Amino acid sequence: MPKLKTKKSVKKRFKITGTGKVKHFGSGGSHLLSKKSPKRKRRIKKASILKGKGDAKTVKRLLPYK
C-alpha cells in the first residue's frame, strides 16, 4: 500500500482532537470586518466542532496521519 498524501488545504483549516472529533474555525473572519458586529466577530474567531458526521469523515480521510 503506497503512502497517502495529506491534503494541505484541509491541514490548514481543520484539526483532529484527541477524541477524534474535527475542530474548525468559522469562515469570514479575515476581511470586511467593519460591517460585522463585535458579537459576530467574536463568534467567528472561536473554534467549534464540526457537526456533520459525513463532513467529519471526509476531513479525516484527507488527513490520513492525524
PDB file of N, CA and C in Angstrom:
ATOM      1  N   MET A   1       0.844  -1.187   0.000  1.00  0.00           N
ATOM      2  CA  MET A   1       0.000   0.000   0.000  1.00  0.00           C
ATOM      3  C   MET A   1       0.890   1.251   0.000  1.00  0.00           C
ATOM      4  N   PRO A   2       0.733   2.148  -0.965  1.00  0.00           N
ATOM      5  CA  PRO A   2       1.571   3.352  -1.002  1.00  0.00           C
ATOM      6  C   PRO A   2       1.185   4.341   0.092  1.00  0.00           C
ATOM      7  N   LYS A   3       2.113   5.234   0.346  1.00  0.00           N
ATOM      8  CA  LYS A   3       1.840   6.287   1.329  1.00  0.00           C
ATOM      9  C   LYS A   3       0.741   7.206   0.805  1.00  0.00           C
ATOM     10  N   LEU A   4      -0.045   7.740   1.719  1.00  0.00           N
ATOM     11  CA  LEU A   4      -1.103   8.673   1.347  1.00  0.00           C
ATOM     12  C   LEU A   4      -0.623  10.093   1.564  1.00  0.00           C
ATOM     13  N   LYS A   5      -1.018  10.986   0.684  1.00  0.00           N
ATOM     14  CA  LYS A   5      -0.635  12.392   0.838  1.00  0.00           C
ATOM     15  C   LYS A   5      -1.698  13.137   1.628  1.00  0.00           C
ATOM     16  N   THR A   6      -1.236  14.019   2.515  1.00  0.00           N
ATOM     17  CA  THR A   6      -2.128  14.893   3.270  1.00  0.00           C
ATOM     18  C   THR A   6      -2.568  16.038   2.369  1.00  0.00           C
ATOM     19  N   LYS A   7      -3.862  16.351   2.382  1.00  0.00           N
ATOM     20  CA  LYS A   7      -4.373  17.483   1.606  1.00  0.00           C
ATOM     21  C   LYS A   7      -4.040  18.752   2.394  1.00  0.00           C
ATOM     22  N   LYS A   8      -3.124  19.573   1.869  1.00  0.00           N
ATOM     23  CA  LYS A   8      -2.587  20.724   2.602  1.00  0.00           C
ATOM     24  C   LYS A   8      -3.647  21.769   2.935  1.00  0.00           C
ATOM     25  N   SER A   9      -4.620  21.956   2.050  1.00  0.00           N
ATOM     26  CA  SER A   9      -5.660  22.950   2.317  1.00  0.00           C
ATOM     27  C   SER A   9      -6.507  22.525   3.520  1.00  0.00           C
ATOM     28  N   VAL A  10      -6.740  21.234   3.671  1.00  0.00           N
ATOM     29  CA  VAL A  10      -7.509  20.715   4.802  1.00  0.00           C
ATOM     30  C   VAL A  10      -6.686  20.798   6.082  1.00  0.00           C
ATOM     31  N   LYS A  11      -5.398  20.546   5.971  1.00  0.00           N
ATOM     32  CA  LYS A  11      -4.494  20.615   7.126  1.00  0.00           C
ATOM     33  C   LYS A  11      -4.489  22.014   7.748  1.00  0.00           C
ATOM     34  N   LYS A  12      -4.602  23.049   6.904  1.00  0.00           N
ATOM     35  CA  LYS A  12      -4.586  24.425   7.383  1.00  0.00           C
ATOM     36  C   LYS A  12      -5.897  24.820   8.059  1.00  0.00           C
ATOM     37  N   ARG A  13      -7.001  24.177   7.682  1.00  0.00           N
ATOM     38  CA  ARG A  13      -8.317  24.605   8.146  1.00  0.00           C
ATOM     39  C   ARG A  13      -8.894  23.780   9.286  1.00  0.00           C
ATOM     40  N   PHE A  14      -8.423  22.556   9.461  1.00  0.00           N
ATOM     41  CA  PHE A  14      -9.019  21.650  10.448  1.00  0.00           C
ATOM     42  C   PHE A  14      -7.962  21.030  11.334  1.00  0.00           C
ATOM     43  N   LYS A  15      -8.360  20.671  12.558  1.00  0.00           N
ATOM     44  CA  LYS A  15      -7.510  19.926  13.484  1.00  0.00           C
ATOM     45  C   LYS A  15      -8.330  18.758  14.016  1.00  0.00           C
ATOM     46  N   ILE A  16      -7.670  17.645  14.302  1.00  0.00           N
ATOM     47  CA  ILE A  16      -8.330  16.494  14.897  1.00  0.00           C
ATOM     48  C   ILE A  16      -8.040  16.518  16.390  1.00  0.00           C
ATOM     49  N   THR A  17      -9.083  16.456  17.210  1.00  0.00           N
ATOM     50  CA  THR A  17      -8.905  16.479  18.660  1.00  0.00           C
ATOM     51  C   THR A  17      -8.432  15.112  19.141  1.00  0.00           C
ATOM     52  N   GLY A  18      -8.090  15.026  20.415  1.00  0.00           N
ATOM     53  CA  GLY A  18      -7.629  13.773  20.994  1.00  0.00           C
ATOM     54  C   GLY A  18      -8.667  12.681  20.959  1.00  0.00           C
ATOM     55  N   THR A  19      -9.946  13.064  21.009  1.00  0.00           N
ATOM     56  CA  THR A  19     -11.020  12.071  20.982  1.00  0.00           C
ATOM     57  C   THR A  19     -11.478  11.754  19.561  1.00  0.00           C
ATOM     58  N   GLY A  20     -10.845  12.373  18.548  1.00  0.00           N
ATOM     59  CA  GLY A  20     -11.167  12.060  17.164  1.00  0.00           C
ATOM     60  C   GLY A  20     -12.186  12.974  16.515  1.00  0.00           C
ATOM     61  N   LYS A  21     -12.608  14.024  17.228  1.00  0.00           N
ATOM     62  CA  LYS A  21     -13.549  14.970  16.630  1.00  0.00           C
ATOM     63  C   LYS A  21     -12.775  15.965  15.761  1.00  0.00           C
ATOM     64  N   VAL A  22     -13.485  16.627  14.851  1.00  0.00           N
ATOM     65  CA  VAL A  22     -12.853  17.579  13.940  1.00  0.00           C
ATOM     66  C   VAL A  22     -13.176  18.992  14.394  1.00  0.00           C
ATOM     67  N   LYS A  23     -12.121  19.771  14.640  1.00  0.00           N
ATOM     68  CA  LYS A  23     -12.265  21.148  15.112  1.00  0.00           C
ATOM     69  C   LYS A  23     -11.997  22.093  13.947  1.00  0.00           C
ATOM     70  N   HIS A  24     -12.786  23.174  13.851  1.00  0.00           N
ATOM     71  CA  HIS A  24     -12.590  24.142  12.778  1.00  0.00           C
ATOM     72  C   HIS A  24     -12.919  25.543  13.286  1.00  0.00           C
ATOM     73  N   PHE A  25     -12.484  26.542  12.529  1.00  0.00           N
ATOM     74  CA  PHE A  25     -12.776  27.932  12.855  1.00  0.00           C
ATOM     75  C   PHE A  25     -13.799  28.467  11.864  1.00  0.00           C
ATOM     76  N   GLY A  26     -14.598  29.426  12.291  1.00  0.00           N
ATOM     77  CA  GLY A  26     -15.632  29.991  11.438  1.00  0.00           C
ATOM     78  C   GLY A  26     -15.046  30.719  10.248  1.00  0.00           C
ATOM     79  N   SER A  27     -15.803  30.789   9.189  1.00  0.00           N
ATOM     80  CA  SER A  27     -15.330  31.470   7.987  1.00  0.00           C
ATOM     81  C   SER A  27     -15.693  32.952   8.038  1.00  0.00           C
ATOM     82  N   GLY A  28     -14.977  33.755   7.285  1.00  0.00           N
ATOM     83  CA  GLY A  28     -15.301  35.172   7.139  1.00  0.00           C
ATOM     84  C   GLY A  28     -14.694  36.061   8.203  1.00  0.00           C
ATOM     85  N   GLY A  29     -13.640  35.625   8.856  1.00  0.00           N
ATOM     86  CA  GLY A  29     -13.060  36.427   9.931  1.00  0.00           C
ATOM     87  C   GLY A  29     -11.833  37.215   9.552  1.00  0.00           C
ATOM     88  N   SER A  30     -11.516  37.283   8.257  1.00  0.00           N
ATOM     89  CA  SER A  30     -10.268  37.938   7.873  1.00  0.00           C
ATOM     90  C   SER A  30     -10.446  39.201   7.029  1.00  0.00           C
ATOM     91  N   HIS A  31     -11.653  39.462   6.542  1.00  0.00           N
ATOM     92  CA  HIS A  31     -11.833  40.677   5.733  1.00  0.00           C
ATOM     93  C   HIS A  31     -13.269  41.176   5.882  1.00  0.00           C
ATOM     94  N   LEU A  32     -13.485  42.439   5.477  1.00  0.00           N
ATOM     95  CA  LEU A  32     -14.786  43.111   5.582  1.00  0.00           C
ATOM     96  C   LEU A  32     -15.319  43.081   7.020  1.00  0.00           C
ATOM     97  N   LEU A  33     -14.441  43.374   7.977  1.00  0.00           N
ATOM     98  CA  LEU A  33     -14.814  43.274   9.389  1.00  0.00           C
ATOM     99  C   LEU A  33     -15.558  44.509   9.890  1.00  0.00           C
ATOM    100  N   SER A  34     -15.467  45.617   9.176  1.00  0.00           N
ATOM    101  CA  SER A  34     -16.096  46.843   9.665  1.00  0.00           C
ATOM    102  C   SER A  34     -17.617  46.759   9.671  1.00  0.00           C
ATOM    103  N   LYS A  35     -18.177  45.983   8.754  1.00  0.00           N
ATOM    104  CA  LYS A  35     -19.644  45.879   8.697  1.00  0.00           C
ATOM    105  C   LYS A  35     -20.201  44.796   9.619  1.00  0.00           C
ATOM    106  N   LYS A  36     -19.318  43.996  10.233  1.00  0.00           N
ATOM    107  CA  LYS A  36     -19.777  42.915  11.115  1.00  0.00           C
ATOM    108  C   LYS A  36     -19.813  43.401  12.558  1.00  0.00           C
ATOM    109  N   SER A  37     -20.800  42.925  13.301  1.00  0.00           N
ATOM    110  CA  SER A  37     -20.937  43.346  14.691  1.00  0.00           C
ATOM    111  C   SER A  37     -19.846  42.690  15.541  1.00  0.00           C
ATOM    112  N   PRO A  38     -19.469  43.312  16.664  1.00  0.00           N
ATOM    113  CA  PRO A  38     -18.454  42.724  17.537  1.00  0.00           C
ATOM    114  C   PRO A  38     -18.830  41.323  18.002  1.00  0.00           C
ATOM    115  N   LYS A  39     -20.115  41.115  18.270  1.00  0.00           N
ATOM    116  CA  LYS A  39     -20.573  39.793  18.710  1.00  0.00           C
ATOM    117  C   LYS A  39     -20.331  38.749  17.622  1.00  0.00           C
ATOM    118  N   ARG A  40     -20.636  39.122  16.392  1.00  0.00           N
ATOM    119  CA  ARG A  40     -20.446  38.202  15.269  1.00  0.00           C
ATOM    120  C   ARG A  40     -18.966  37.894  15.052  1.00  0.00           C
ATOM    121  N   LYS A  41     -18.111  38.925  15.199  1.00  0.00           N
ATOM    122  CA  LYS A  41     -16.675  38.722  15.018  1.00  0.00           C
ATOM    123  C   LYS A  41     -16.101  37.808  16.096  1.00  0.00           C
ATOM    124  N   ARG A  42     -16.563  37.959  17.320  1.00  0.00           N
ATOM    125  CA  ARG A  42     -16.112  37.075  18.409  1.00  0.00           C
ATOM    126  C   ARG A  42     -16.514  35.633  18.137  1.00  0.00           C
ATOM    127  N   ARG A  43     -17.736  35.451  17.657  1.00  0.00           N
ATOM    128  CA  ARG A  43     -18.237  34.104  17.381  1.00  0.00           C
ATOM    129  C   ARG A  43     -17.451  33.441  16.238  1.00  0.00           C
ATOM    130  N   ILE A  44     -17.085  34.227  15.229  1.00  0.00           N
ATOM    131  CA  ILE A  44     -16.332  33.700  14.091  1.00  0.00           C
ATOM    132  C   ILE A  44     -14.952  33.227  14.526  1.00  0.00           C
ATOM    133  N   LYS A  45     -14.320  33.966  15.450  1.00  0.00           N
ATOM    134  CA  LYS A  45     -12.954  33.650  15.855  1.00  0.00           C
ATOM    135  C   LYS A  45     -12.829  32.330  16.602  1.00  0.00           C
ATOM    136  N   LYS A  46     -13.870  31.963  17.348  1.00  0.00           N
ATOM    137  CA  LYS A  46     -13.791  30.779  18.200  1.00  0.00           C
ATOM    138  C   LYS A  46     -13.821  29.489  17.391  1.00  0.00           C
ATOM    139  N   ALA A  47     -13.118  28.501  17.909  1.00  0.00           N
ATOM    140  CA  ALA A  47     -13.127  27.178  17.283  1.00  0.00           C
ATOM    141  C   ALA A  47     -14.390  26.434  17.689  1.00  0.00           C
ATOM    142  N   SER A  48     -14.870  25.569  16.808  1.00  0.00           N
ATOM    143  CA  SER A  48     -16.029  24.746  17.132  1.00  0.00           C
ATOM    144  C   SER A  48     -15.840  23.366  16.526  1.00  0.00           C
ATOM    145  N   ILE A  49     -16.640  22.430  16.968  1.00  0.00           N
ATOM    146  CA  ILE A  49     -16.577  21.061  16.486  1.00  0.00           C
ATOM    147  C   ILE A  49     -17.453  20.926  15.241  1.00  0.00           C
ATOM    148  N   LEU A  50     -16.945  20.241  14.245  1.00  0.00           N
ATOM    149  CA  LEU A  50     -17.685  20.012  13.015  1.00  0.00           C
ATOM    150  C   LEU A  50     -18.881  19.112  13.306  1.00  0.00           C
ATOM    151  N   LYS A  51     -20.062  19.556  12.916  1.00  0.00           N
ATOM    152  CA  LYS A  51     -21.283  18.855  13.310  1.00  0.00           C
ATOM    153  C   LYS A  51     -21.646  17.682  12.410  1.00  0.00           C
ATOM    154  N   GLY A  52     -21.497  17.825  11.111  1.00  0.00           N
ATOM    155  CA  GLY A  52     -21.909  16.761  10.193  1.00  0.00           C
ATOM    156  C   GLY A  52     -20.980  15.568  10.240  1.00  0.00           C
ATOM    157  N   LYS A  53     -21.534  14.381  10.462  1.00  0.00           N
ATOM    158  CA  LYS A  53     -20.704  13.173  10.522  1.00  0.00           C
ATOM    159  C   LYS A  53     -20.061  12.883   9.173  1.00  0.00           C
ATOM    160  N   GLY A  54     -20.809  13.119   8.099  1.00  0.00           N
ATOM    161  CA  GLY A  54     -20.261  12.893   6.765  1.00  0.00           C
ATOM    162  C   GLY A  54     -19.111  13.830   6.458  1.00  0.00           C
ATOM    163  N   ASP A  55     -19.235  15.083   6.868  1.00  0.00           N
ATOM    164  CA  ASP A  55     -18.166  16.061   6.664  1.00  0.00           C
ATOM    165  C   ASP A  55     -16.925  15.671   7.452  1.00  0.00           C
ATOM    166  N   ALA A  56     -17.130  15.239   8.697  1.00  0.00           N
ATOM    167  CA  ALA A  56     -16.000  14.843   9.545  1.00  0.00           C
ATOM    168  C   ALA A  56     -15.280  13.647   8.934  1.00  0.00           C
ATOM    169  N   LYS A  57     -16.040  12.723   8.392  1.00  0.00           N
ATOM    170  CA  LYS A  57     -15.450  11.533   7.765  1.00  0.00           C
ATOM    171  C   LYS A  57     -14.586  11.936   6.572  1.00  0.00           C
ATOM    172  N   THR A  58     -15.073  12.886   5.780  1.00  0.00           N
ATOM    173  CA  THR A  58     -14.333  13.362   4.616  1.00  0.00           C
ATOM    174  C   THR A  58     -13.031  14.033   5.035  1.00  0.00           C
ATOM    175  N   VAL A  59     -13.100  14.871   6.069  1.00  0.00           N
ATOM    176  CA  VAL A  59     -11.908  15.578   6.557  1.00  0.00           C
ATOM    177  C   VAL A  59     -10.881  14.575   7.069  1.00  0.00           C
ATOM    178  N   LYS A  60     -11.331  13.586   7.801  1.00  0.00           N
ATOM    179  CA  LYS A  60     -10.400  12.574   8.331  1.00  0.00           C
ATOM    180  C   LYS A  60      -9.742  11.778   7.225  1.00  0.00           C
ATOM    181  N   ARG A  61     -10.452  11.542   6.135  1.00  0.00           N
ATOM    182  CA  ARG A  61      -9.863  10.820   5.006  1.00  0.00           C
ATOM    183  C   ARG A  61      -8.775  11.658   4.345  1.00  0.00           C
ATOM    184  N   LEU A  62      -8.936  12.974   4.339  1.00  0.00           N
ATOM    185  CA  LEU A  62      -7.962  13.865   3.722  1.00  0.00           C
ATOM    186  C   LEU A  62      -6.775  14.162   4.643  1.00  0.00           C
ATOM    187  N   LEU A  63      -6.887  13.810   5.920  1.00  0.00           N
ATOM    188  CA  LEU A  63      -5.797  13.939   6.896  1.00  0.00           C
ATOM    189  C   LEU A  63      -5.428  12.538   7.395  1.00  0.00           C
ATOM    190  N   PRO A  64      -4.738  11.743   6.597  1.00  0.00           N
ATOM    191  CA  PRO A  64      -4.561  10.335   6.941  1.00  0.00           C
ATOM    192  C   PRO A  64      -3.675  10.072   8.162  1.00  0.00           C
ATOM    193  N   TYR A  65      -2.777  10.963   8.510  1.00  0.00           N
ATOM    194  CA  TYR A  65      -1.825  10.680   9.590  1.00  0.00           C
ATOM    195  C   TYR A  65      -2.030  11.567  10.805  1.00  0.00           C
ATOM    196  N   LYS A  66      -3.265  11.956  11.085  1.00  0.00           N
ATOM    197  CA  LYS A  66      -3.561  12.798  12.245  1.00  0.00           C
ATOM    198  C   LYS A  66      -4.332  12.011  13.261  1.00  0.00           C
TER     199      LYS A  66
END
